[in-house]
PDB file of N, CA and C in Angstrom:
ATOM      1  N   MET A   1     -23.528 -17.831 -18.733  1.00  0.00           N
ATOM      2  CA  MET A   1     -22.232 -16.984 -19.146  1.00  0.00           C
ATOM      3  C   MET A   1     -21.416 -17.373 -17.769  1.00  0.00           C
ATOM      4  N   ALA A   2     -20.236 -17.765 -18.088  1.00  0.00           N
ATOM      5  CA  ALA A   2     -19.510 -18.087 -16.837  1.00  0.00           C
ATOM      6  C   ALA A   2     -18.735 -16.841 -16.298  1.00  0.00           C
ATOM      7  N   HIS A   3     -18.742 -16.905 -15.123  1.00  0.00           N
ATOM      8  CA  HIS A   3     -17.818 -15.817 -14.260  1.00  0.00           C
ATOM      9  C   HIS A   3     -16.719 -15.863 -14.007  1.00  0.00           C
ATOM     10  N   THR A   4     -15.807 -15.331 -14.578  1.00  0.00           N
ATOM     11  CA  THR A   4     -14.312 -15.189 -14.167  1.00  0.00           C
ATOM     12  C   THR A   4     -14.121 -13.896 -12.878  1.00  0.00           C
ATOM     13  N   PRO A   5     -13.233 -14.640 -12.070  1.00  0.00           N
ATOM     14  CA  PRO A   5     -12.930 -14.148 -10.660  1.00  0.00           C
ATOM     15  C   PRO A   5     -11.724 -12.918 -11.377  1.00  0.00           C
ATOM     16  N   THR A   6     -11.836 -11.514 -10.803  1.00  0.00           N
ATOM     17  CA  THR A   6     -10.629 -10.928 -11.003  1.00  0.00           C
ATOM     18  C   THR A   6     -10.364 -10.399 -10.060  1.00  0.00           C
ATOM     19  N   SER A   7      -9.050  -9.980  -9.772  1.00  0.00           N
ATOM     20  CA  SER A   7      -8.333  -9.605  -8.283  1.00  0.00           C
ATOM     21  C   SER A   7      -7.304  -8.661  -8.798  1.00  0.00           C
ATOM     22  N   SER A   8      -7.152  -7.672  -8.081  1.00  0.00           N
ATOM     23  CA  SER A   8      -5.990  -6.457  -8.195  1.00  0.00           C
ATOM     24  C   SER A   8      -4.605  -6.928  -7.339  1.00  0.00           C
ATOM     25  N   MET A   9      -5.241  -8.176  -6.769  1.00  0.00           N
ATOM     26  CA  MET A   9      -3.802  -8.819  -5.581  1.00  0.00           C
ATOM     27  C   MET A   9      -2.888  -9.524  -6.472  1.00  0.00           C
ATOM     28  N   THR A  10      -1.659  -9.813  -6.299  1.00  0.00           N
ATOM     29  CA  THR A  10      -0.493 -10.717  -7.112  1.00  0.00           C
ATOM     30  C   THR A  10      -0.061 -11.341  -5.992  1.00  0.00           C
ATOM     31  N   SER A  11       0.212 -12.668  -6.334  1.00  0.00           N
ATOM     32  CA  SER A  11       0.805 -13.448  -5.160  1.00  0.00           C
ATOM     33  C   SER A  11       2.325 -12.988  -5.081  1.00  0.00           C
ATOM     34  N   SER A  12       2.971 -13.003  -3.903  1.00  0.00           N
ATOM     35  CA  SER A  12       4.156 -12.560  -3.283  1.00  0.00           C
ATOM     36  C   SER A  12       5.065 -13.824  -3.002  1.00  0.00           C
ATOM     37  N   PHE A  13       4.258 -15.261  -3.413  1.00  0.00           N
ATOM     38  CA  PHE A  13       5.412 -16.319  -3.299  1.00  0.00           C
ATOM     39  C   PHE A  13       6.300 -16.429  -4.029  1.00  0.00           C
ATOM     40  N   GLN A  14       7.254 -16.873  -3.542  1.00  0.00           N
ATOM     41  CA  GLN A  14       8.673 -16.943  -4.376  1.00  0.00           C
ATOM     42  C   GLN A  14       9.167 -18.101  -4.118  1.00  0.00           C
ATOM     43  N   ALA A  15       9.295 -18.931  -5.497  1.00  0.00           N
ATOM     44  CA  ALA A  15       9.650 -20.423  -5.444  1.00  0.00           C
ATOM     45  C   ALA A  15      10.866 -20.310  -4.742  1.00  0.00           C
ATOM     46  N   PRO A  16      11.352 -21.727  -4.369  1.00  0.00           N
ATOM     47  CA  PRO A  16      12.605 -21.789  -4.143  1.00  0.00           C
ATOM     48  C   PRO A  16      13.650 -21.686  -5.139  1.00  0.00           C
ATOM     49  N   SER A  17      15.009 -21.519  -4.795  1.00  0.00           N
ATOM     50  CA  SER A  17      16.010 -21.333  -6.139  1.00  0.00           C
ATOM     51  C   SER A  17      16.130 -22.420  -7.068  1.00  0.00           C
ATOM     52  N   SER A  18      16.067 -23.361  -6.583  1.00  0.00           N
ATOM     53  CA  SER A  18      15.635 -24.795  -7.388  1.00  0.00           C
ATOM     54  C   SER A  18      14.710 -25.946  -7.045  1.00  0.00           C
ATOM     55  N   SER A  19      14.560 -26.908  -7.546  1.00  0.00           N
ATOM     56  CA  SER A  19      13.539 -27.777  -6.764  1.00  0.00           C
ATOM     57  C   SER A  19      13.987 -28.483  -5.751  1.00  0.00           C
ATOM     58  N   THR A  20      15.382 -28.464  -5.507  1.00  0.00           N
ATOM     59  CA  THR A  20      15.680 -29.383  -4.223  1.00  0.00           C
ATOM     60  C   THR A  20      16.051 -28.709  -3.300  1.00  0.00           C
ATOM     61  N   ALA A  21      16.043 -27.288  -3.193  1.00  0.00           N
ATOM     62  CA  ALA A  21      16.631 -26.157  -2.268  1.00  0.00           C
ATOM     63  C   ALA A  21      15.786 -26.873  -0.993  1.00  0.00           C
ATOM     64  N   ILE A  22      16.537 -26.551   0.144  1.00  0.00           N
ATOM     65  CA  ILE A  22      15.937 -26.511   1.331  1.00  0.00           C
ATOM     66  C   ILE A  22      15.907 -25.319   2.190  1.00  0.00           C
ATOM     67  N   THR A  23      14.569 -25.171   2.357  1.00  0.00           N
ATOM     68  CA  THR A  23      14.153 -23.788   3.234  1.00  0.00           C
ATOM     69  C   THR A  23      14.258 -23.845   5.076  1.00  0.00           C
ATOM     70  N   HIS A  24      15.066 -22.792   5.388  1.00  0.00           N
ATOM     71  CA  HIS A  24      15.058 -22.745   6.957  1.00  0.00           C
ATOM     72  C   HIS A  24      14.736 -21.704   7.603  1.00  0.00           C
ATOM     73  N   ILE A  25      13.777 -21.909   8.346  1.00  0.00           N
ATOM     74  CA  ILE A  25      12.968 -20.444   8.875  1.00  0.00           C
ATOM     75  C   ILE A  25      13.470 -20.348  10.307  1.00  0.00           C
ATOM     76  N   VAL A  26      14.161 -19.363  10.537  1.00  0.00           N
ATOM     77  CA  VAL A  26      14.204 -18.868  11.819  1.00  0.00           C
ATOM     78  C   VAL A  26      13.887 -17.545  12.313  1.00  0.00           C
ATOM     79  N   VAL A  27      13.272 -17.659  13.825  1.00  0.00           N
ATOM     80  CA  VAL A  27      11.989 -16.818  14.023  1.00  0.00           C
ATOM     81  C   VAL A  27      12.881 -16.093  15.434  1.00  0.00           C
ATOM     82  N   PHE A  28      12.744 -14.816  15.938  1.00  0.00           N
ATOM     83  CA  PHE A  28      13.843 -14.381  16.964  1.00  0.00           C
ATOM     84  C   PHE A  28      12.483 -13.683  17.897  1.00  0.00           C
ATOM     85  N   LYS A  29      12.437 -13.863  19.107  1.00  0.00           N
ATOM     86  CA  LYS A  29      11.690 -13.191  20.200  1.00  0.00           C
ATOM     87  C   LYS A  29      12.956 -12.192  21.002  1.00  0.00           C
ATOM     88  N   TYR A  30      13.205 -11.013  20.988  1.00  0.00           N
ATOM     89  CA  TYR A  30      14.309 -10.619  21.676  1.00  0.00           C
ATOM     90  C   TYR A  30      13.471  -9.739  22.678  1.00  0.00           C
ATOM     91  N   ARG A  31      14.714  -9.645  23.990  1.00  0.00           N
ATOM     92  CA  ARG A  31      13.999  -9.054  24.906  1.00  0.00           C
ATOM     93  C   ARG A  31      13.718  -7.537  24.922  1.00  0.00           C
ATOM     94  N   PRO A  32      12.514  -7.557  25.681  1.00  0.00           N
ATOM     95  CA  PRO A  32      12.017  -5.856  25.523  1.00  0.00           C
ATOM     96  C   PRO A  32      12.969  -4.899  25.755  1.00  0.00           C
ATOM     97  N   ASP A  33      14.203  -5.146  26.498  1.00  0.00           N
ATOM     98  CA  ASP A  33      14.964  -4.083  26.714  1.00  0.00           C
ATOM     99  C   ASP A  33      15.941  -3.926  25.728  1.00  0.00           C
ATOM    100  N   ILE A  34      15.965  -4.812  24.735  1.00  0.00           N
ATOM    101  CA  ILE A  34      17.228  -4.756  23.697  1.00  0.00           C
ATOM    102  C   ILE A  34      16.980  -2.980  22.876  1.00  0.00           C
ATOM    103  N   THR A  35      18.169  -2.888  22.743  1.00  0.00           N
ATOM    104  CA  THR A  35      18.196  -1.490  21.945  1.00  0.00           C
ATOM    105  C   THR A  35      18.228  -1.534  20.629  1.00  0.00           C
ATOM    106  N   TRP A  36      18.084  -0.877  19.966  1.00  0.00           N
ATOM    107  CA  TRP A  36      18.050  -0.923  18.328  1.00  0.00           C
ATOM    108  C   TRP A  36      19.280  -0.944  18.083  1.00  0.00           C
ATOM    109  N   THR A  37      20.547  -0.446  18.666  1.00  0.00           N
ATOM    110  CA  THR A  37      21.987  -0.378  18.326  1.00  0.00           C
ATOM    111  C   THR A  37      22.349  -2.056  18.336  1.00  0.00           C
ATOM    112  N   ASP A  38      21.825  -2.775  19.471  1.00  0.00           N
ATOM    113  CA  ASP A  38      22.184  -4.127  19.697  1.00  0.00           C
ATOM    114  C   ASP A  38      21.171  -4.778  18.450  1.00  0.00           C
ATOM    115  N   LEU A  39      20.219  -4.735  18.021  1.00  0.00           N
ATOM    116  CA  LEU A  39      19.610  -5.138  17.056  1.00  0.00           C
ATOM    117  C   LEU A  39      20.031  -5.401  15.801  1.00  0.00           C
ATOM    118  N   GLU A  40      20.236  -4.100  15.174  1.00  0.00           N
ATOM    119  CA  GLU A  40      21.283  -3.646  14.348  1.00  0.00           C
ATOM    120  C   GLU A  40      22.521  -4.467  13.741  1.00  0.00           C
ATOM    121  N   ALA A  41      23.219  -4.344  15.060  1.00  0.00           N
ATOM    122  CA  ALA A  41      24.637  -5.430  15.488  1.00  0.00           C
ATOM    123  C   ALA A  41      24.066  -6.808  15.000  1.00  0.00           C
ATOM    124  N   HIS A  42      23.152  -7.171  16.007  1.00  0.00           N
ATOM    125  CA  HIS A  42      22.666  -8.540  15.801  1.00  0.00           C
ATOM    126  C   HIS A  42      22.706  -8.909  14.302  1.00  0.00           C
ATOM    127  N   PHE A  43      21.906  -8.322  13.801  1.00  0.00           N
ATOM    128  CA  PHE A  43      21.029  -8.251  12.185  1.00  0.00           C
ATOM    129  C   PHE A  43      21.999  -8.575  11.182  1.00  0.00           C
ATOM    130  N   LYS A  44      23.307  -7.172  11.561  1.00  0.00           N
ATOM    131  CA  LYS A  44      24.581  -7.215  10.795  1.00  0.00           C
ATOM    132  C   LYS A  44      25.567  -8.638  10.987  1.00  0.00           C
ATOM    133  N   VAL A  45      25.711  -9.106  12.030  1.00  0.00           N
ATOM    134  CA  VAL A  45      26.343 -10.289  12.349  1.00  0.00           C
ATOM    135  C   VAL A  45      25.923 -11.692  11.634  1.00  0.00           C
ATOM    136  N   PHE A  46      24.589 -11.670  11.732  1.00  0.00           N
ATOM    137  CA  PHE A  46      23.739 -12.658  11.185  1.00  0.00           C
ATOM    138  C   PHE A  46      23.618 -12.752   9.841  1.00  0.00           C
ATOM    139  N   THR A  47      23.327 -11.760   8.806  1.00  0.00           N
ATOM    140  CA  THR A  47      23.566 -11.827   7.443  1.00  0.00           C
ATOM    141  C   THR A  47      25.086 -11.772   7.159  1.00  0.00           C
ATOM    142  N   ALA A  48      25.595 -11.654   7.918  1.00  0.00           N
ATOM    143  CA  ALA A  48      26.899 -11.838   7.391  1.00  0.00           C
ATOM    144  C   ALA A  48      27.224 -13.599   7.625  1.00  0.00           C
ATOM    145  N   LEU A  49      26.713 -14.254   8.272  1.00  0.00           N
ATOM    146  CA  LEU A  49      26.753 -15.828   8.138  1.00  0.00           C
ATOM    147  C   LEU A  49      26.759 -16.195   6.671  1.00  0.00           C
ATOM    148  N   GLN A  50      26.065 -15.642   5.745  1.00  0.00           N
ATOM    149  CA  GLN A  50      25.787 -16.057   4.295  1.00  0.00           C
ATOM    150  C   GLN A  50      26.879 -15.782   3.673  1.00  0.00           C
ATOM    151  N   THR A  51      27.978 -15.229   3.859  1.00  0.00           N
ATOM    152  CA  THR A  51      29.212 -15.118   3.419  1.00  0.00           C
ATOM    153  C   THR A  51      30.610 -16.190   4.359  1.00  0.00           C
ATOM    154  N   GLN A  52      30.337 -15.613   5.611  1.00  0.00           N
ATOM    155  CA  GLN A  52      31.212 -16.373   6.465  1.00  0.00           C
ATOM    156  C   GLN A  52      31.088 -18.050   6.612  1.00  0.00           C
ATOM    157  N   CYS A  53      30.022 -18.773   6.600  1.00  0.00           N
ATOM    158  CA  CYS A  53      29.605 -20.005   6.584  1.00  0.00           C
ATOM    159  C   CYS A  53      30.276 -20.553   5.107  1.00  0.00           C
ATOM    160  N   VAL A  54      31.293 -21.395   5.278  1.00  0.00           N
ATOM    161  CA  VAL A  54      31.957 -21.815   4.481  1.00  0.00           C
ATOM    162  C   VAL A  54      31.948 -23.434   4.374  1.00  0.00           C
ATOM    163  N   HIS A  55      31.609 -23.756   3.178  1.00  0.00           N
ATOM    164  CA  HIS A  55      31.836 -25.811   3.064  1.00  0.00           C
ATOM    165  C   HIS A  55      33.049 -25.880   3.639  1.00  0.00           C
ATOM    166  N   PRO A  56      32.843 -27.235   4.243  1.00  0.00           N
ATOM    167  CA  PRO A  56      34.479 -27.790   4.768  1.00  0.00           C
ATOM    168  C   PRO A  56      35.262 -28.169   3.814  1.00  0.00           C
ATOM    169  N   SER A  57      34.733 -28.737   2.824  1.00  0.00           N
ATOM    170  CA  SER A  57      35.111 -29.452   1.805  1.00  0.00           C
ATOM    171  C   SER A  57      35.649 -28.352   0.731  1.00  0.00           C
ATOM    172  N   THR A  58      34.801 -27.501   0.148  1.00  0.00           N
ATOM    173  CA  THR A  58      35.304 -26.445  -0.989  1.00  0.00           C
ATOM    174  C   THR A  58      35.614 -25.273  -0.280  1.00  0.00           C
ATOM    175  N   GLY A  59      35.328 -24.655   0.860  1.00  0.00           N
ATOM    176  CA  GLY A  59      36.073 -23.529   1.464  1.00  0.00           C
ATOM    177  C   GLY A  59      35.143 -22.499   0.844  1.00  0.00           C
ATOM    178  N   LYS A  60      34.002 -22.715  -0.117  1.00  0.00           N
ATOM    179  CA  LYS A  60      33.405 -21.751  -0.633  1.00  0.00           C
ATOM    180  C   LYS A  60      32.049 -21.320   0.532  1.00  0.00           C
ATOM    181  N   PRO A  61      31.353 -20.418   0.345  1.00  0.00           N
ATOM    182  CA  PRO A  61      30.008 -20.236   1.133  1.00  0.00           C
ATOM    183  C   PRO A  61      28.853 -21.381   0.320  1.00  0.00           C
ATOM    184  N   TYR A  62      28.038 -21.545   1.408  1.00  0.00           N
ATOM    185  CA  TYR A  62      27.089 -22.674   0.912  1.00  0.00           C
ATOM    186  C   TYR A  62      25.937 -22.269   1.093  1.00  0.00           C
ATOM    187  N   MET A  63      25.469 -21.180   1.689  1.00  0.00           N
ATOM    188  CA  MET A  63      24.419 -20.965   1.800  1.00  0.00           C
ATOM    189  C   MET A  63      23.588 -20.047   0.651  1.00  0.00           C
ATOM    190  N   VAL A  64      22.762 -20.663   0.184  1.00  0.00           N
ATOM    191  CA  VAL A  64      22.387 -19.919  -1.138  1.00  0.00           C
ATOM    192  C   VAL A  64      21.473 -18.490  -1.036  1.00  0.00           C
ATOM    193  N   SER A  65      20.941 -18.510  -0.135  1.00  0.00           N
ATOM    194  CA  SER A  65      19.640 -16.890   0.268  1.00  0.00           C
ATOM    195  C   SER A  65      19.705 -16.995   1.676  1.00  0.00           C
ATOM    196  N   MET A  66      19.398 -15.576   1.802  1.00  0.00           N
ATOM    197  CA  MET A  66      18.777 -15.171   3.070  1.00  0.00           C
ATOM    198  C   MET A  66      18.114 -13.923   2.793  1.00  0.00           C
ATOM    199  N   ARG A  67      16.783 -14.126   3.611  1.00  0.00           N
ATOM    200  CA  ARG A  67      15.979 -12.959   3.625  1.00  0.00           C
ATOM    201  C   ARG A  67      15.613 -12.664   5.006  1.00  0.00           C
ATOM    202  N   MET A  68      15.301 -11.509   5.576  1.00  0.00           N
ATOM    203  CA  MET A  68      14.953 -11.038   6.879  1.00  0.00           C
ATOM    204  C   MET A  68      14.095 -10.140   6.827  1.00  0.00           C
ATOM    205  N   GLY A  69      13.109  -9.853   7.784  1.00  0.00           N
ATOM    206  CA  GLY A  69      12.306  -8.897   8.156  1.00  0.00           C
ATOM    207  C   GLY A  69      11.323  -9.004   9.329  1.00  0.00           C
ATOM    208  N   ASN A  70      10.672  -7.869   9.766  1.00  0.00           N
ATOM    209  CA  ASN A  70       9.824  -7.939  11.028  1.00  0.00           C
ATOM    210  C   ASN A  70       8.433  -8.730  10.950  1.00  0.00           C
ATOM    211  N   ASN A  71       7.978  -8.957  11.731  1.00  0.00           N
ATOM    212  CA  ASN A  71       6.760  -9.314  11.527  1.00  0.00           C
ATOM    213  C   ASN A  71       5.951  -8.500  11.630  1.00  0.00           C
ATOM    214  N   ARG A  72       4.867  -8.167  10.681  1.00  0.00           N
ATOM    215  CA  ARG A  72       3.807  -7.319  10.971  1.00  0.00           C
ATOM    216  C   ARG A  72       2.667  -7.733  10.782  1.00  0.00           C
ATOM    217  N   SER A  73       2.273  -9.273  11.142  1.00  0.00           N
ATOM    218  CA  SER A  73       1.127  -9.692  11.150  1.00  0.00           C
ATOM    219  C   SER A  73       0.175  -9.384  12.381  1.00  0.00           C
ATOM    220  N   ARG A  74      -1.274  -8.879  12.113  1.00  0.00           N
ATOM    221  CA  ARG A  74      -1.888  -8.467  13.045  1.00  0.00           C
ATOM    222  C   ARG A  74      -2.923  -9.517  13.534  1.00  0.00           C
ATOM    223  N   GLU A  75      -2.325 -10.759  13.361  1.00  0.00           N
ATOM    224  CA  GLU A  75      -3.254 -12.050  13.575  1.00  0.00           C
ATOM    225  C   GLU A  75      -3.097 -12.306  15.248  1.00  0.00           C
ATOM    226  N   ALA A  76      -1.903 -11.638  15.558  1.00  0.00           N
ATOM    227  CA  ALA A  76      -1.545 -12.223  16.959  1.00  0.00           C
ATOM    228  C   ALA A  76      -1.584 -13.280  17.655  1.00  0.00           C
ATOM    229  N   LEU A  77      -0.611 -13.959  16.733  1.00  0.00           N
ATOM    230  CA  LEU A  77      -0.090 -15.354  16.989  1.00  0.00           C
ATOM    231  C   LEU A  77       1.467 -15.401  16.878  1.00  0.00           C
ATOM    232  N   ASN A  78       2.213 -14.506  17.095  1.00  0.00           N
ATOM    233  CA  ASN A  78       3.269 -14.613  16.927  1.00  0.00           C
ATOM    234  C   ASN A  78       4.198 -15.132  17.915  1.00  0.00           C
ATOM    235  N   LYS A  79       3.476 -15.021  19.046  1.00  0.00           N
ATOM    236  CA  LYS A  79       3.893 -15.262  20.447  1.00  0.00           C
ATOM    237  C   LYS A  79       5.234 -14.709  21.128  1.00  0.00           C
ATOM    238  N   GLY A  80       5.244 -13.371  20.234  1.00  0.00           N
ATOM    239  CA  GLY A  80       6.277 -12.319  20.790  1.00  0.00           C
ATOM    240  C   GLY A  80       7.563 -12.378  19.667  1.00  0.00           C
ATOM    241  N   MET A  81       7.282 -13.254  18.881  1.00  0.00           N
ATOM    242  CA  MET A  81       8.527 -13.549  17.717  1.00  0.00           C
ATOM    243  C   MET A  81       8.429 -12.140  16.883  1.00  0.00           C
ATOM    244  N   THR A  82       9.489 -11.488  16.886  1.00  0.00           N
ATOM    245  CA  THR A  82       9.549  -9.757  16.398  1.00  0.00           C
ATOM    246  C   THR A  82       9.951 -10.165  14.714  1.00  0.00           C
ATOM    247  N   HIS A  83      10.909 -10.844  14.476  1.00  0.00           N
ATOM    248  CA  HIS A  83      11.844 -10.614  13.454  1.00  0.00           C
ATOM    249  C   HIS A  83      11.942 -12.224  12.802  1.00  0.00           C
ATOM    250  N   GLY A  84      11.989 -12.556  11.477  1.00  0.00           N
ATOM    251  CA  GLY A  84      12.219 -13.616  10.955  1.00  0.00           C
ATOM    252  C   GLY A  84      13.128 -13.660   9.738  1.00  0.00           C
ATOM    253  N   PHE A  85      13.652 -15.070   9.662  1.00  0.00           N
ATOM    254  CA  PHE A  85      14.837 -15.038   8.525  1.00  0.00           C
ATOM    255  C   PHE A  85      14.490 -16.385   7.817  1.00  0.00           C
ATOM    256  N   VAL A  86      14.524 -16.293   6.651  1.00  0.00           N
ATOM    257  CA  VAL A  86      14.505 -17.412   5.686  1.00  0.00           C
ATOM    258  C   VAL A  86      16.167 -17.614   4.926  1.00  0.00           C
ATOM    259  N   LEU A  87      16.421 -18.895   5.365  1.00  0.00           N
ATOM    260  CA  LEU A  87      17.429 -19.200   4.912  1.00  0.00           C
ATOM    261  C   LEU A  87      17.452 -20.317   3.840  1.00  0.00           C
ATOM    262  N   GLU A  88      18.289 -20.375   2.673  1.00  0.00           N
ATOM    263  CA  GLU A  88      18.137 -21.490   1.693  1.00  0.00           C
ATOM    264  C   GLU A  88      19.244 -22.085   1.321  1.00  0.00           C
ATOM    265  N   PHE A  89      19.036 -23.470   1.411  1.00  0.00           N
ATOM    266  CA  PHE A  89      20.139 -24.235   1.676  1.00  0.00           C
ATOM    267  C   PHE A  89      19.964 -25.143   0.225  1.00  0.00           C
ATOM    268  N   ALA A  90      21.531 -25.416  -0.673  1.00  0.00           N
ATOM    269  CA  ALA A  90      21.339 -26.534  -1.868  1.00  0.00           C
ATOM    270  C   ALA A  90      20.821 -27.916  -1.502  1.00  0.00           C
ATOM    271  N   SER A  91      20.818 -28.405   0.128  1.00  0.00           N
ATOM    272  CA  SER A  91      20.460 -29.805   0.222  1.00  0.00           C
ATOM    273  C   SER A  91      20.884 -29.983   1.601  1.00  0.00           C
ATOM    274  N   GLN A  92      20.185 -30.878   2.051  1.00  0.00           N
ATOM    275  CA  GLN A  92      19.916 -31.265   3.568  1.00  0.00           C
ATOM    276  C   GLN A  92      20.854 -31.384   4.067  1.00  0.00           C
ATOM    277  N   ASP A  93      21.907 -31.926   3.409  1.00  0.00           N
ATOM    278  CA  ASP A  93      23.527 -32.232   4.147  1.00  0.00           C
ATOM    279  C   ASP A  93      24.049 -30.832   4.626  1.00  0.00           C
ATOM    280  N   ASP A  94      23.883 -29.645   3.495  1.00  0.00           N
ATOM    281  CA  ASP A  94      24.362 -28.405   3.825  1.00  0.00           C
ATOM    282  C   ASP A  94      23.622 -27.970   5.230  1.00  0.00           C
ATOM    283  N   LEU A  95      22.326 -27.808   5.407  1.00  0.00           N
ATOM    284  CA  LEU A  95      21.563 -27.343   6.299  1.00  0.00           C
ATOM    285  C   LEU A  95      21.865 -28.294   7.553  1.00  0.00           C
ATOM    286  N   ASP A  96      21.896 -29.505   7.767  1.00  0.00           N
ATOM    287  CA  ASP A  96      22.607 -30.164   8.593  1.00  0.00           C
ATOM    288  C   ASP A  96      23.990 -29.585   9.383  1.00  0.00           C
ATOM    289  N   TYR A  97      24.720 -29.555   8.116  1.00  0.00           N
ATOM    290  CA  TYR A  97      26.202 -29.225   8.649  1.00  0.00           C
ATOM    291  C   TYR A  97      26.178 -27.566   9.406  1.00  0.00           C
ATOM    292  N   TYR A  98      24.986 -26.615   8.706  1.00  0.00           N
ATOM    293  CA  TYR A  98      25.129 -25.378   8.959  1.00  0.00           C
ATOM    294  C   TYR A  98      24.454 -25.571  10.745  1.00  0.00           C
ATOM    295  N   LEU A  99      23.618 -26.466  10.801  1.00  0.00           N
ATOM    296  CA  LEU A  99      22.999 -26.306  12.078  1.00  0.00           C
ATOM    297  C   LEU A  99      23.887 -27.399  13.343  1.00  0.00           C
ATOM    298  N   THR A 100      24.945 -28.180  12.802  1.00  0.00           N
ATOM    299  CA  THR A 100      25.371 -28.813  13.620  1.00  0.00           C
ATOM    300  C   THR A 100      26.606 -28.843  14.016  1.00  0.00           C
ATOM    301  N   LYS A 101      27.402 -28.148  12.701  1.00  0.00           N
ATOM    302  CA  LYS A 101      28.842 -28.419  12.832  1.00  0.00           C
ATOM    303  C   LYS A 101      29.624 -27.058  12.561  1.00  0.00           C
ATOM    304  N   ASP A 102      29.081 -26.134  11.505  1.00  0.00           N
ATOM    305  CA  ASP A 102      29.343 -25.014  11.117  1.00  0.00           C
ATOM    306  C   ASP A 102      29.792 -23.982  12.281  1.00  0.00           C
ATOM    307  N   PRO A 103      31.102 -23.975  12.565  1.00  0.00           N
ATOM    308  CA  PRO A 103      31.984 -23.359  13.853  1.00  0.00           C
ATOM    309  C   PRO A 103      31.499 -21.641  13.749  1.00  0.00           C
ATOM    310  N   VAL A 104      31.029 -21.130  12.618  1.00  0.00           N
ATOM    311  CA  VAL A 104      30.815 -19.685  12.741  1.00  0.00           C
ATOM    312  C   VAL A 104      29.157 -19.964  12.987  1.00  0.00           C
ATOM    313  N   HIS A 105      28.326 -20.760  12.267  1.00  0.00           N
ATOM    314  CA  HIS A 105      27.088 -20.482  13.114  1.00  0.00           C
ATOM    315  C   HIS A 105      27.248 -21.279  14.530  1.00  0.00           C
ATOM    316  N   ILE A 106      28.076 -21.989  14.787  1.00  0.00           N
ATOM    317  CA  ILE A 106      27.728 -22.101  16.388  1.00  0.00           C
ATOM    318  C   ILE A 106      28.100 -21.261  17.360  1.00  0.00           C
ATOM    319  N   ALA A 107      29.077 -20.520  17.059  1.00  0.00           N
ATOM    320  CA  ALA A 107      29.290 -19.289  17.859  1.00  0.00           C
ATOM    321  C   ALA A 107      28.497 -17.842  17.519  1.00  0.00           C
ATOM    322  N   PHE A 108      27.716 -17.966  16.314  1.00  0.00           N
ATOM    323  CA  PHE A 108      26.545 -16.667  16.066  1.00  0.00           C
ATOM    324  C   PHE A 108      25.613 -17.381  17.310  1.00  0.00           C
ATOM    325  N   ALA A 109      25.058 -18.507  16.900  1.00  0.00           N
ATOM    326  CA  ALA A 109      23.903 -19.213  18.030  1.00  0.00           C
ATOM    327  C   ALA A 109      24.183 -18.597  19.515  1.00  0.00           C
ATOM    328  N   LYS A 110      25.095 -19.222  19.816  1.00  0.00           N
ATOM    329  CA  LYS A 110      25.846 -18.919  21.419  1.00  0.00           C
ATOM    330  C   LYS A 110      25.532 -17.789  21.562  1.00  0.00           C
ATOM    331  N   ALA A 111      26.093 -16.520  20.831  1.00  0.00           N
ATOM    332  CA  ALA A 111      26.358 -15.123  21.184  1.00  0.00           C
ATOM    333  C   ALA A 111      24.684 -14.648  21.118  1.00  0.00           C
ATOM    334  N   ALA A 112      23.938 -15.207  20.238  1.00  0.00           N
ATOM    335  CA  ALA A 112      22.661 -14.569  20.125  1.00  0.00           C
ATOM    336  C   ALA A 112      21.865 -14.773  21.240  1.00  0.00           C
ATOM    337  N   LYS A 113      21.885 -16.273  22.230  1.00  0.00           N
ATOM    338  CA  LYS A 113      20.948 -16.700  23.303  1.00  0.00           C
ATOM    339  C   LYS A 113      20.554 -15.137  24.125  1.00  0.00           C
ATOM    340  N   PRO A 114      21.446 -14.575  24.654  1.00  0.00           N
ATOM    341  CA  PRO A 114      20.964 -13.601  25.745  1.00  0.00           C
ATOM    342  C   PRO A 114      20.093 -12.514  25.203  1.00  0.00           C
ATOM    343  N   LEU A 115      20.000 -12.295  23.883  1.00  0.00           N
ATOM    344  CA  LEU A 115      19.289 -11.488  23.068  1.00  0.00           C
ATOM    345  C   LEU A 115      17.792 -11.542  23.213  1.00  0.00           C
TER     346      LEU A 115
END
């Protein structure tokens, strides 16, 4: 008689929105003295990038999705990184534009460095 494994666990894996979607992961290590008010402001500005970053030729937002959360792993491998963001783009070109040319993202990245 064959044994069929059973489990009450379900997978939380989420496939990308499309088979060509590009995933970009960002993790932050904030200063120990940062206040919750400053963190909330940072999160608000970061999540607003999803609508404020617009494609140069269409004038429309090009980030497909964004998720965020804090690191709750007990593995002690996070090297002080406390929060993560998962961004999804429709193409490598969109991600490249976001990282190197989008003025809204570049301004955000510059302002986030001291955090």
